Amino acid sequence: MAADTGERLAVDEVLSFAQDLVGVLRASNDRDANAQTGAGARMLLSACRSDSDDLELQMREHQEKIHSCKEKIDKAKAETITDDELNALQMKMEEKLQEEKQLRQELRVLRDELDNLDRQRTSIEERKDAVKKKKKDMQKAERTLSMCVSVTNIMPNFEDQEKISGYIVDKTGKKIQKFEFEKTTPPVEICDKLWKKI
């Protein structure tokens, strides 16, 4: 920029010098020499003006390029972020990654708990089914026992595991007579004795 100003001053000085020369020559008495010198001075002045215009045009073009470069630099600066902003963004990203990691761990724990609850539910359903089956079997056994009691009038005692025992009942289910046999007693003998009591 300072070099451009220096060139402009030099050109201005040359132009001023040329004008002064033209003035001196006009004041001189030697006409032919003055005319030649005036013509040379005018040519010199014209060439200087042409060079000055060219230089001015080149200066404008350079200033436009400088302005364009400054705009590009400003735009690039605006688009880039500072180190502090970058560090803040990195810290924020690391915090988010830590949060995500913690959430994944919590999700894994919850998934394990859900799997455990699902296994428990399956186990409970299996037990419910087993209880229903046992209940049906018990009802079937009770009906079978009730039918046997109504046909034979004999009600066994299942609580006494040491002996074969029970009661002989009447048609209303009232206990009439108790019976007991050792477990070692043969089944045929037990049947004969019970038959005689009925």
N, C-alpha and C. Protein backbone atom coordinates (compact mmCIF):
# COMPACT_ATOMS: atom_id res chain seq x y z
N MET A 1 0.83 -1.19 0.00
CA MET A 1 0.00 0.00 0.00
C MET A 1 0.88 1.26 0.00
N ALA A 2 1.99 1.23 0.81
CA ALA A 2 2.91 2.38 0.86
C ALA A 2 3.63 2.53 -0.46
N ALA A 3 3.96 1.40 -1.11
CA ALA A 3 4.63 1.44 -2.42
C ALA A 3 3.72 2.09 -3.46
N ASP A 4 2.42 1.75 -3.41
CA ASP A 4 1.47 2.35 -4.33
C ASP A 4 1.40 3.87 -4.13
N THR A 5 1.43 4.31 -2.91
CA THR A 5 1.37 5.74 -2.61
C THR A 5 2.61 6.44 -3.13
N GLY A 6 3.80 5.79 -2.96
CA GLY A 6 5.06 6.36 -3.46
C GLY A 6 5.04 6.51 -4.96
N GLU A 7 4.52 5.49 -5.67
CA GLU A 7 4.43 5.55 -7.14
C GLU A 7 3.50 6.68 -7.57
N ARG A 8 2.40 6.83 -6.83
CA ARG A 8 1.44 7.87 -7.18
C ARG A 8 2.08 9.26 -7.02
N LEU A 9 2.87 9.45 -5.95
CA LEU A 9 3.55 10.73 -5.74
C LEU A 9 4.56 10.99 -6.84
N ALA A 10 5.31 9.94 -7.25
CA ALA A 10 6.31 10.10 -8.32
C ALA A 10 5.62 10.49 -9.62
N VAL A 11 4.51 9.88 -9.93
CA VAL A 11 3.76 10.20 -11.16
C VAL A 11 3.26 11.64 -11.07
N ASP A 12 2.72 12.02 -9.91
CA ASP A 12 2.23 13.39 -9.74
C ASP A 12 3.36 14.41 -9.91
N GLU A 13 4.55 14.06 -9.39
CA GLU A 13 5.70 14.96 -9.54
C GLU A 13 6.10 15.09 -11.01
N VAL A 14 6.09 13.96 -11.75
CA VAL A 14 6.44 14.00 -13.18
C VAL A 14 5.44 14.88 -13.93
N LEU A 15 4.16 14.73 -13.62
CA LEU A 15 3.13 15.53 -14.28
C LEU A 15 3.32 17.02 -13.97
N SER A 16 3.60 17.29 -12.70
CA SER A 16 3.82 18.67 -12.29
C SER A 16 5.05 19.25 -13.00
N PHE A 17 6.09 18.42 -13.07
CA PHE A 17 7.33 18.85 -13.75
C PHE A 17 7.05 19.13 -15.22
N ALA A 18 6.26 18.24 -15.85
CA ALA A 18 5.94 18.42 -17.27
C ALA A 18 5.16 19.71 -17.48
N GLN A 19 4.23 20.02 -16.58
CA GLN A 19 3.45 21.24 -16.71
C GLN A 19 4.35 22.48 -16.52
N ASP A 20 5.25 22.36 -15.56
CA ASP A 20 6.21 23.47 -15.34
C ASP A 20 7.07 23.68 -16.57
N LEU A 21 7.50 22.58 -17.17
CA LEU A 21 8.34 22.66 -18.37
C LEU A 21 7.59 23.33 -19.52
N VAL A 22 6.31 22.93 -19.65
CA VAL A 22 5.49 23.54 -20.69
C VAL A 22 5.39 25.05 -20.44
N GLY A 23 5.21 25.44 -19.21
CA GLY A 23 5.12 26.87 -18.87
C GLY A 23 6.42 27.61 -19.18
N VAL A 24 7.56 26.99 -18.87
CA VAL A 24 8.87 27.61 -19.14
C VAL A 24 9.06 27.76 -20.63
N LEU A 25 8.72 26.73 -21.36
CA LEU A 25 8.90 26.75 -22.81
C LEU A 25 8.02 27.80 -23.46
N ARG A 26 6.88 28.01 -22.97
CA ARG A 26 5.99 29.01 -23.53
C ARG A 26 6.58 30.43 -23.32
N ALA A 27 7.23 30.59 -22.22
CA ALA A 27 7.81 31.90 -21.91
C ALA A 27 9.09 32.15 -22.72
N SER A 28 9.67 31.13 -23.27
CA SER A 28 10.96 31.24 -24.00
C SER A 28 10.76 31.92 -25.36
N ASN A 29 11.87 32.48 -25.97
CA ASN A 29 11.83 33.20 -27.23
C ASN A 29 12.07 32.31 -28.45
N ASP A 30 12.71 31.24 -28.27
CA ASP A 30 13.07 30.38 -29.41
C ASP A 30 11.84 29.59 -29.78
N ARG A 31 11.21 30.01 -30.90
CA ARG A 31 9.94 29.42 -31.28
C ARG A 31 10.05 27.99 -31.73
N ASP A 32 10.93 27.70 -32.64
CA ASP A 32 11.04 26.32 -33.15
C ASP A 32 11.43 25.37 -32.03
N ALA A 33 12.40 25.80 -31.29
CA ALA A 33 12.86 24.93 -30.19
C ALA A 33 11.75 24.78 -29.17
N ASN A 34 11.06 25.92 -28.95
CA ASN A 34 9.94 25.88 -28.00
C ASN A 34 8.82 24.96 -28.51
N ALA A 35 8.57 25.06 -29.82
CA ALA A 35 7.51 24.23 -30.39
C ALA A 35 7.89 22.76 -30.27
N GLN A 36 9.15 22.45 -30.59
CA GLN A 36 9.61 21.05 -30.48
C GLN A 36 9.54 20.60 -29.02
N THR A 37 10.03 21.46 -28.17
CA THR A 37 10.04 21.11 -26.75
C THR A 37 8.61 20.97 -26.24
N GLY A 38 7.72 21.89 -26.70
CA GLY A 38 6.31 21.82 -26.29
C GLY A 38 5.65 20.54 -26.77
N ALA A 39 5.95 20.19 -28.06
CA ALA A 39 5.38 18.95 -28.59
C ALA A 39 5.91 17.77 -27.80
N GLY A 40 7.22 17.78 -27.51
CA GLY A 40 7.80 16.67 -26.70
C GLY A 40 7.20 16.63 -25.31
N ALA A 41 7.01 17.83 -24.76
CA ALA A 41 6.44 17.90 -23.41
C ALA A 41 5.00 17.37 -23.42
N ARG A 42 4.23 17.77 -24.50
CA ARG A 42 2.85 17.28 -24.59
C ARG A 42 2.81 15.76 -24.74
N MET A 43 3.74 15.24 -25.57
CA MET A 43 3.82 13.78 -25.74
C MET A 43 4.17 13.11 -24.40
N LEU A 44 5.15 13.73 -23.72
CA LEU A 44 5.56 13.20 -22.42
C LEU A 44 4.39 13.26 -21.44
N LEU A 45 3.65 14.40 -21.47
CA LEU A 45 2.50 14.56 -20.58
C LEU A 45 1.42 13.51 -20.90
N SER A 46 1.17 13.31 -22.19
CA SER A 46 0.17 12.32 -22.62
C SER A 46 0.58 10.92 -22.20
N ALA A 47 1.87 10.59 -22.40
CA ALA A 47 2.36 9.26 -22.01
C ALA A 47 2.26 9.07 -20.49
N CYS A 48 2.61 10.16 -19.78
CA CYS A 48 2.53 10.09 -18.31
C CYS A 48 1.10 9.89 -17.85
N ARG A 49 0.16 10.62 -18.50
CA ARG A 49 -1.26 10.46 -18.13
C ARG A 49 -1.73 9.04 -18.44
N SER A 50 -1.32 8.51 -19.58
CA SER A 50 -1.70 7.15 -19.96
C SER A 50 -1.16 6.15 -18.94
N ASP A 51 0.15 6.34 -18.60
CA ASP A 51 0.75 5.44 -17.58
C ASP A 51 0.04 5.58 -16.24
N SER A 52 -0.29 6.84 -15.92
CA SER A 52 -0.99 7.09 -14.65
C SER A 52 -2.34 6.39 -14.63
N ASP A 53 -3.08 6.49 -15.76
CA ASP A 53 -4.39 5.82 -15.84
C ASP A 53 -4.24 4.31 -15.73
N ASP A 54 -3.21 3.76 -16.44
CA ASP A 54 -2.96 2.31 -16.36
C ASP A 54 -2.65 1.89 -14.91
N LEU A 55 -1.78 2.70 -14.28
CA LEU A 55 -1.42 2.38 -12.90
C LEU A 55 -2.63 2.45 -11.97
N GLU A 56 -3.46 3.47 -12.20
CA GLU A 56 -4.66 3.61 -11.37
C GLU A 56 -5.59 2.41 -11.55
N LEU A 57 -5.74 1.97 -12.80
CA LEU A 57 -6.58 0.80 -13.10
C LEU A 57 -6.01 -0.45 -12.42
N GLN A 58 -4.69 -0.62 -12.54
CA GLN A 58 -4.06 -1.78 -11.89
C GLN A 58 -4.23 -1.71 -10.37
N MET A 59 -4.08 -0.49 -9.81
CA MET A 59 -4.26 -0.34 -8.36
C MET A 59 -5.68 -0.71 -7.95
N ARG A 60 -6.67 -0.26 -8.74
CA ARG A 60 -8.07 -0.61 -8.43
C ARG A 60 -8.28 -2.12 -8.46
N GLU A 61 -7.71 -2.77 -9.50
CA GLU A 61 -7.84 -4.23 -9.61
C GLU A 61 -7.19 -4.92 -8.41
N HIS A 62 -5.99 -4.43 -8.02
CA HIS A 62 -5.31 -5.03 -6.86
C HIS A 62 -6.11 -4.79 -5.57
N GLN A 63 -6.67 -3.59 -5.43
CA GLN A 63 -7.47 -3.31 -4.25
C GLN A 63 -8.72 -4.19 -4.20
N GLU A 64 -9.33 -4.42 -5.37
CA GLU A 64 -10.49 -5.32 -5.42
C GLU A 64 -10.10 -6.74 -5.01
N LYS A 65 -8.92 -7.19 -5.51
CA LYS A 65 -8.44 -8.53 -5.14
C LYS A 65 -8.16 -8.61 -3.64
N ILE A 66 -7.53 -7.54 -3.11
CA ILE A 66 -7.25 -7.50 -1.66
C ILE A 66 -8.55 -7.54 -0.88
N HIS A 67 -9.53 -6.74 -1.33
CA HIS A 67 -10.84 -6.71 -0.65
C HIS A 67 -11.50 -8.10 -0.71
N SER A 68 -11.43 -8.74 -1.89
CA SER A 68 -12.01 -10.08 -2.06
C SER A 68 -11.32 -11.08 -1.12
N CYS A 69 -9.99 -10.99 -1.04
CA CYS A 69 -9.24 -11.90 -0.13
C CYS A 69 -9.63 -11.66 1.32
N LYS A 70 -9.78 -10.37 1.70
CA LYS A 70 -10.18 -10.04 3.08
C LYS A 70 -11.56 -10.63 3.39
N GLU A 71 -12.49 -10.49 2.40
CA GLU A 71 -13.83 -11.05 2.60
C GLU A 71 -13.77 -12.57 2.78
N LYS A 72 -12.93 -13.23 1.95
CA LYS A 72 -12.78 -14.68 2.07
C LYS A 72 -12.20 -15.07 3.42
N ILE A 73 -11.21 -14.29 3.87
CA ILE A 73 -10.59 -14.57 5.19
C ILE A 73 -11.63 -14.38 6.29
N ASP A 74 -12.41 -13.28 6.23
CA ASP A 74 -13.44 -13.03 7.24
C ASP A 74 -14.49 -14.14 7.24
N LYS A 75 -14.88 -14.57 6.02
CA LYS A 75 -15.88 -15.65 5.90
C LYS A 75 -15.32 -16.94 6.48
N ALA A 76 -14.05 -17.24 6.17
CA ALA A 76 -13.42 -18.46 6.70
C ALA A 76 -13.33 -18.39 8.22
N LYS A 77 -12.99 -17.18 8.76
CA LYS A 77 -12.92 -17.02 10.21
C LYS A 77 -14.29 -17.23 10.85
N ALA A 78 -15.33 -16.71 10.18
CA ALA A 78 -16.69 -16.84 10.71
C ALA A 78 -17.15 -18.30 10.71
N GLU A 79 -16.68 -19.06 9.69
CA GLU A 79 -17.11 -20.46 9.59
C GLU A 79 -16.33 -21.36 10.54
N THR A 80 -15.13 -20.98 10.88
CA THR A 80 -14.33 -21.81 11.79
C THR A 80 -14.67 -21.45 13.23
N ILE A 81 -14.39 -22.39 14.14
CA ILE A 81 -14.67 -22.13 15.55
C ILE A 81 -13.35 -22.04 16.30
N THR A 82 -13.41 -21.37 17.42
CA THR A 82 -12.20 -21.18 18.22
C THR A 82 -11.86 -22.46 18.97
N ASP A 83 -10.62 -22.50 19.48
CA ASP A 83 -10.20 -23.67 20.27
C ASP A 83 -11.06 -23.85 21.51
N ASP A 84 -11.44 -22.74 22.14
CA ASP A 84 -12.28 -22.82 23.34
C ASP A 84 -13.63 -23.44 23.01
N GLU A 85 -14.22 -22.98 21.89
CA GLU A 85 -15.51 -23.54 21.47
C GLU A 85 -15.37 -25.02 21.14
N LEU A 86 -14.27 -25.38 20.46
CA LEU A 86 -14.03 -26.77 20.10
C LEU A 86 -13.87 -27.63 21.36
N ASN A 87 -13.10 -27.12 22.34
CA ASN A 87 -12.92 -27.85 23.60
C ASN A 87 -14.24 -28.01 24.33
N ALA A 88 -15.06 -26.94 24.34
CA ALA A 88 -16.38 -27.02 24.99
C ALA A 88 -17.25 -28.06 24.31
N LEU A 89 -17.23 -28.08 22.97
CA LEU A 89 -18.03 -29.07 22.23
C LEU A 89 -17.54 -30.49 22.50
N GLN A 90 -16.20 -30.65 22.58
CA GLN A 90 -15.66 -31.99 22.87
C GLN A 90 -16.07 -32.44 24.27
N MET A 91 -16.03 -31.52 25.24
CA MET A 91 -16.44 -31.85 26.62
C MET A 91 -17.91 -32.27 26.64
N LYS A 92 -18.72 -31.49 25.90
CA LYS A 92 -20.16 -31.80 25.85
C LYS A 92 -20.38 -33.17 25.22
N MET A 93 -19.63 -33.46 24.13
CA MET A 93 -19.77 -34.75 23.46
C MET A 93 -19.36 -35.89 24.39
N GLU A 94 -18.27 -35.69 25.15
CA GLU A 94 -17.84 -36.73 26.08
C GLU A 94 -18.87 -36.95 27.18
N GLU A 95 -19.48 -35.86 27.66
CA GLU A 95 -20.55 -35.99 28.66
C GLU A 95 -21.71 -36.81 28.10
N LYS A 96 -22.10 -36.48 26.85
CA LYS A 96 -23.21 -37.21 26.21
C LYS A 96 -22.85 -38.68 26.03
N LEU A 97 -21.59 -38.96 25.66
CA LEU A 97 -21.15 -40.35 25.50
C LEU A 97 -21.21 -41.10 26.84
N GLN A 98 -20.80 -40.41 27.93
CA GLN A 98 -20.87 -41.02 29.27
C GLN A 98 -22.33 -41.30 29.64
N GLU A 99 -23.21 -40.32 29.35
CA GLU A 99 -24.63 -40.52 29.64
C GLU A 99 -25.18 -41.70 28.85
N GLU A 100 -24.79 -41.78 27.57
CA GLU A 100 -25.25 -42.89 26.74
C GLU A 100 -24.76 -44.22 27.29
N LYS A 101 -23.48 -44.26 27.73
CA LYS A 101 -22.91 -45.48 28.30
C LYS A 101 -23.68 -45.90 29.55
N GLN A 102 -23.96 -44.90 30.41
CA GLN A 102 -24.71 -45.19 31.64
C GLN A 102 -26.12 -45.69 31.31
N LEU A 103 -26.77 -45.04 30.33
CA LEU A 103 -28.12 -45.47 29.93
C LEU A 103 -28.10 -46.89 29.36
N ARG A 104 -27.03 -47.22 28.60
CA ARG A 104 -26.91 -48.58 28.06
C ARG A 104 -26.77 -49.60 29.18
N GLN A 105 -25.98 -49.23 30.24
CA GLN A 105 -25.83 -50.14 31.37
C GLN A 105 -27.16 -50.33 32.10
N GLU A 106 -27.88 -49.21 32.30
CA GLU A 106 -29.18 -49.30 32.95
C GLU A 106 -30.14 -50.14 32.12
N LEU A 107 -30.09 -49.94 30.80
CA LEU A 107 -30.94 -50.73 29.90
C LEU A 107 -30.61 -52.21 29.99
N ARG A 108 -29.30 -52.53 30.07
CA ARG A 108 -28.88 -53.93 30.20
C ARG A 108 -29.42 -54.53 31.50
N VAL A 109 -29.33 -53.75 32.61
CA VAL A 109 -29.84 -54.22 33.91
C VAL A 109 -31.34 -54.44 33.81
N LEU A 110 -32.05 -53.48 33.20
CA LEU A 110 -33.50 -53.62 33.06
C LEU A 110 -33.87 -54.83 32.19
N ARG A 111 -33.08 -55.04 31.12
CA ARG A 111 -33.34 -56.18 30.25
C ARG A 111 -33.15 -57.49 31.02
N ASP A 112 -32.07 -57.55 31.85
CA ASP A 112 -31.84 -58.74 32.68
C ASP A 112 -32.99 -58.96 33.66
N GLU A 113 -33.46 -57.84 34.26
CA GLU A 113 -34.59 -57.96 35.20
C GLU A 113 -35.84 -58.45 34.47
N LEU A 114 -36.07 -57.91 33.27
CA LEU A 114 -37.24 -58.36 32.49
C LEU A 114 -37.13 -59.85 32.14
N ASP A 115 -35.92 -60.27 31.74
CA ASP A 115 -35.72 -61.69 31.43
C ASP A 115 -35.99 -62.55 32.66
N ASN A 116 -35.50 -62.08 33.83
CA ASN A 116 -35.71 -62.81 35.08
C ASN A 116 -37.20 -62.87 35.40
N LEU A 117 -37.90 -61.73 35.25
CA LEU A 117 -39.34 -61.70 35.51
C LEU A 117 -40.09 -62.61 34.53
N ASP A 118 -39.63 -62.64 33.29
CA ASP A 118 -40.26 -63.50 32.29
C ASP A 118 -40.08 -64.97 32.67
N ARG A 119 -38.86 -65.32 33.14
CA ARG A 119 -38.63 -66.70 33.60
C ARG A 119 -39.52 -67.03 34.80
N GLN A 120 -39.63 -66.07 35.72
CA GLN A 120 -40.49 -66.29 36.89
C GLN A 120 -41.94 -66.47 36.47
N ARG A 121 -42.38 -65.62 35.51
CA ARG A 121 -43.76 -65.74 35.02
C ARG A 121 -44.00 -67.11 34.41
N THR A 122 -43.02 -67.57 33.61
CA THR A 122 -43.15 -68.89 32.99
C THR A 122 -43.22 -69.97 34.06
N SER A 123 -42.34 -69.84 35.09
CA SER A 123 -42.33 -70.81 36.17
C SER A 123 -43.66 -70.80 36.94
N ILE A 124 -44.20 -69.59 37.18
CA ILE A 124 -45.48 -69.47 37.89
C ILE A 124 -46.59 -70.09 37.05
N GLU A 125 -46.58 -69.82 35.75
CA GLU A 125 -47.61 -70.41 34.88
C GLU A 125 -47.52 -71.93 34.88
N GLU A 126 -46.27 -72.45 34.86
CA GLU A 126 -46.10 -73.91 34.92
C GLU A 126 -46.64 -74.46 36.23
N ARG A 127 -46.34 -73.74 37.34
CA ARG A 127 -46.85 -74.19 38.66
C ARG A 127 -48.36 -74.12 38.70
N LYS A 128 -48.93 -73.04 38.12
CA LYS A 128 -50.39 -72.92 38.08
C LYS A 128 -51.01 -74.10 37.34
N ASP A 129 -50.36 -74.41 36.18
CA ASP A 129 -50.86 -75.55 35.40
C ASP A 129 -50.75 -76.84 36.21
N ALA A 130 -49.62 -76.99 36.94
CA ALA A 130 -49.42 -78.19 37.77
C ALA A 130 -50.47 -78.24 38.88
N VAL A 131 -50.75 -77.07 39.50
CA VAL A 131 -51.76 -77.02 40.58
C VAL A 131 -53.13 -77.35 40.01
N LYS A 132 -53.45 -76.81 38.81
CA LYS A 132 -54.74 -77.13 38.18
C LYS A 132 -54.86 -78.62 37.92
N LYS A 133 -53.74 -79.20 37.42
CA LYS A 133 -53.76 -80.63 37.13
C LYS A 133 -53.96 -81.44 38.40
N LYS A 134 -53.22 -81.03 39.48
CA LYS A 134 -53.37 -81.74 40.76
C LYS A 134 -54.78 -81.60 41.28
N LYS A 135 -55.34 -80.38 41.11
CA LYS A 135 -56.71 -80.15 41.57
C LYS A 135 -57.68 -81.06 40.83
N LYS A 136 -57.49 -81.14 39.50
CA LYS A 136 -58.35 -82.04 38.71
C LYS A 136 -58.17 -83.48 39.15
N ASP A 137 -56.87 -83.86 39.34
CA ASP A 137 -56.61 -85.23 39.79
C ASP A 137 -57.24 -85.50 41.15
N MET A 138 -57.17 -84.49 42.06
CA MET A 138 -57.78 -84.64 43.39
C MET A 138 -59.30 -84.79 43.27
N GLN A 139 -59.89 -83.92 42.41
CA GLN A 139 -61.34 -84.01 42.23
C GLN A 139 -61.73 -85.38 41.67
N LYS A 140 -60.91 -85.84 40.72
CA LYS A 140 -61.18 -87.16 40.13
C LYS A 140 -61.04 -88.25 41.19
N ALA A 141 -59.97 -88.13 42.00
CA ALA A 141 -59.75 -89.11 43.06
C ALA A 141 -60.87 -89.06 44.09
N GLU A 142 -61.31 -87.82 44.43
CA GLU A 142 -62.42 -87.68 45.40
C GLU A 142 -63.70 -88.31 44.84
N ARG A 143 -63.96 -88.07 43.54
CA ARG A 143 -65.17 -88.69 42.95
C ARG A 143 -65.06 -90.21 42.95
N THR A 144 -63.82 -90.68 42.59
CA THR A 144 -63.61 -92.13 42.58
C THR A 144 -63.79 -92.70 43.99
N LEU A 145 -63.19 -91.99 44.99
CA LEU A 145 -63.32 -92.44 46.39
C LEU A 145 -64.77 -92.40 46.83
N SER A 146 -65.48 -91.32 46.45
CA SER A 146 -66.89 -91.20 46.83
C SER A 146 -67.71 -92.34 46.21
N MET A 147 -67.37 -92.67 44.95
CA MET A 147 -68.09 -93.77 44.30
C MET A 147 -67.78 -95.10 45.01
N CYS A 148 -66.49 -95.29 45.35
CA CYS A 148 -66.11 -96.53 46.05
C CYS A 148 -66.79 -96.62 47.42
N VAL A 149 -66.84 -95.48 48.14
CA VAL A 149 -67.48 -95.47 49.47
C VAL A 149 -68.96 -95.78 49.30
N SER A 150 -69.62 -95.18 48.30
CA SER A 150 -71.06 -95.43 48.14
C SER A 150 -71.35 -96.86 47.70
N VAL A 151 -70.39 -97.50 46.97
CA VAL A 151 -70.60 -98.88 46.52
C VAL A 151 -70.25 -99.88 47.62
N THR A 152 -69.09 -99.62 48.30
CA THR A 152 -68.59 -100.62 49.28
C THR A 152 -68.95 -100.28 50.71
N ASN A 153 -69.35 -99.08 51.00
CA ASN A 153 -69.61 -98.60 52.36
C ASN A 153 -68.33 -98.64 53.22
N ILE A 154 -67.17 -98.53 52.58
CA ILE A 154 -65.89 -98.53 53.29
C ILE A 154 -65.18 -97.22 52.95
N MET A 155 -64.78 -96.46 54.03
CA MET A 155 -64.04 -95.21 53.84
C MET A 155 -62.64 -95.41 54.40
N PRO A 156 -61.61 -95.41 53.55
CA PRO A 156 -60.25 -95.60 54.04
C PRO A 156 -59.75 -94.36 54.79
N ASN A 157 -58.79 -94.58 55.70
CA ASN A 157 -58.15 -93.49 56.44
C ASN A 157 -56.73 -93.32 55.86
N PHE A 158 -56.55 -92.27 55.09
CA PHE A 158 -55.25 -92.07 54.42
C PHE A 158 -54.23 -91.39 55.32
N GLU A 159 -54.67 -90.86 56.45
CA GLU A 159 -53.76 -90.16 57.33
C GLU A 159 -52.87 -91.12 58.10
N ASP A 160 -53.37 -92.27 58.42
CA ASP A 160 -52.57 -93.27 59.17
C ASP A 160 -51.72 -94.06 58.18
N GLN A 161 -50.45 -93.71 58.12
CA GLN A 161 -49.54 -94.36 57.18
C GLN A 161 -48.95 -95.65 57.75
N GLU A 162 -49.08 -95.86 59.06
CA GLU A 162 -48.50 -97.04 59.72
C GLU A 162 -49.33 -98.31 59.45
N LYS A 163 -50.64 -98.14 59.34
CA LYS A 163 -51.54 -99.29 59.21
C LYS A 163 -52.52 -99.05 58.08
N ILE A 164 -53.20 -100.12 57.71
CA ILE A 164 -54.33 -100.02 56.77
C ILE A 164 -55.55 -99.88 57.65
N SER A 165 -56.18 -98.68 57.58
CA SER A 165 -57.30 -98.43 58.49
C SER A 165 -58.38 -97.65 57.77
N GLY A 166 -59.56 -97.54 58.45
CA GLY A 166 -60.66 -96.81 57.89
C GLY A 166 -61.93 -97.04 58.69
N TYR A 167 -63.08 -96.73 58.03
CA TYR A 167 -64.36 -96.87 58.70
C TYR A 167 -65.36 -97.53 57.76
N ILE A 168 -66.28 -98.25 58.37
CA ILE A 168 -67.43 -98.75 57.63
C ILE A 168 -68.54 -97.74 57.90
N VAL A 169 -69.20 -97.27 56.82
CA VAL A 169 -70.19 -96.20 56.94
C VAL A 169 -71.54 -96.69 56.43
N ASP A 170 -72.59 -95.99 56.86
CA ASP A 170 -73.92 -96.33 56.32
C ASP A 170 -74.17 -95.49 55.07
N LYS A 171 -75.38 -95.55 54.56
CA LYS A 171 -75.69 -94.90 53.30
C LYS A 171 -75.65 -93.38 53.41
N THR A 172 -75.78 -92.81 54.58
CA THR A 172 -75.74 -91.35 54.77
C THR A 172 -74.30 -90.86 54.95
N GLY A 173 -73.34 -91.80 55.10
CA GLY A 173 -71.94 -91.44 55.29
C GLY A 173 -71.54 -91.39 56.75
N LYS A 174 -72.43 -91.81 57.66
CA LYS A 174 -72.13 -91.81 59.08
C LYS A 174 -71.24 -93.00 59.41
N LYS A 175 -70.18 -92.76 60.21
CA LYS A 175 -69.24 -93.82 60.58
C LYS A 175 -69.91 -94.78 61.55
N ILE A 176 -69.82 -96.06 61.19
CA ILE A 176 -70.46 -97.08 62.04
C ILE A 176 -69.40 -97.86 62.82
N GLN A 177 -68.39 -98.34 62.12
CA GLN A 177 -67.39 -99.21 62.75
C GLN A 177 -66.00 -98.90 62.18
N LYS A 178 -64.99 -98.87 63.07
CA LYS A 178 -63.61 -98.61 62.66
C LYS A 178 -62.94 -99.95 62.43
N PHE A 179 -61.96 -99.95 61.45
CA PHE A 179 -61.17 -101.17 61.22
C PHE A 179 -59.71 -100.80 61.08
N GLU A 180 -58.84 -101.77 61.43
CA GLU A 180 -57.38 -101.59 61.32
C GLU A 180 -56.75 -102.92 61.00
N PHE A 181 -55.76 -102.90 60.10
CA PHE A 181 -54.98 -104.09 59.75
C PHE A 181 -53.52 -103.67 59.66
N GLU A 182 -52.65 -104.60 59.97
CA GLU A 182 -51.21 -104.34 59.79
C GLU A 182 -50.92 -104.32 58.30
N LYS A 183 -49.88 -103.62 57.94
CA LYS A 183 -49.52 -103.52 56.52
C LYS A 183 -49.03 -104.85 55.97
N THR A 184 -48.60 -105.69 56.83
CA THR A 184 -48.07 -107.00 56.40
C THR A 184 -49.19 -108.00 56.12
N THR A 185 -50.44 -107.66 56.50
CA THR A 185 -51.58 -108.56 56.28
C THR A 185 -51.82 -108.70 54.79
N PRO A 186 -51.99 -109.95 54.27
CA PRO A 186 -52.23 -110.15 52.84
C PRO A 186 -53.56 -109.51 52.42
N PRO A 187 -53.63 -108.96 51.21
CA PRO A 187 -54.83 -108.27 50.73
C PRO A 187 -56.06 -109.15 50.70
N VAL A 188 -55.91 -110.44 50.41
CA VAL A 188 -57.08 -111.35 50.35
C VAL A 188 -57.71 -111.46 51.73
N GLU A 189 -56.88 -111.56 52.75
CA GLU A 189 -57.38 -111.68 54.12
C GLU A 189 -58.12 -110.41 54.54
N ILE A 190 -57.55 -109.24 54.15
CA ILE A 190 -58.19 -107.96 54.46
C ILE A 190 -59.56 -107.90 53.80
N CYS A 191 -59.65 -108.31 52.55
CA CYS A 191 -60.93 -108.28 51.82
C CYS A 191 -61.96 -109.20 52.49
N ASP A 192 -61.55 -110.38 52.89
CA ASP A 192 -62.48 -111.33 53.54
C ASP A 192 -63.02 -110.75 54.83
N LYS A 193 -62.12 -110.20 55.65
CA LYS A 193 -62.54 -109.66 56.96
C LYS A 193 -63.48 -108.45 56.77
N LEU A 194 -63.15 -107.59 55.80
CA LEU A 194 -64.01 -106.42 55.57
C LEU A 194 -65.38 -106.86 55.03
N TRP A 195 -65.38 -107.88 54.20
CA TRP A 195 -66.63 -108.37 53.61
C TRP A 195 -67.55 -108.90 54.70
N LYS A 196 -66.95 -109.54 55.67
CA LYS A 196 -67.76 -110.11 56.77
C LYS A 196 -68.33 -108.99 57.63
N LYS A 197 -67.58 -107.84 57.77
CA LYS A 197 -68.06 -106.73 58.60
C LYS A 197 -69.16 -105.95 57.91
N ILE A 198 -69.15 -105.97 56.57
CA ILE A 198 -70.16 -105.20 55.85
C ILE A 198 -71.48 -105.95 55.97
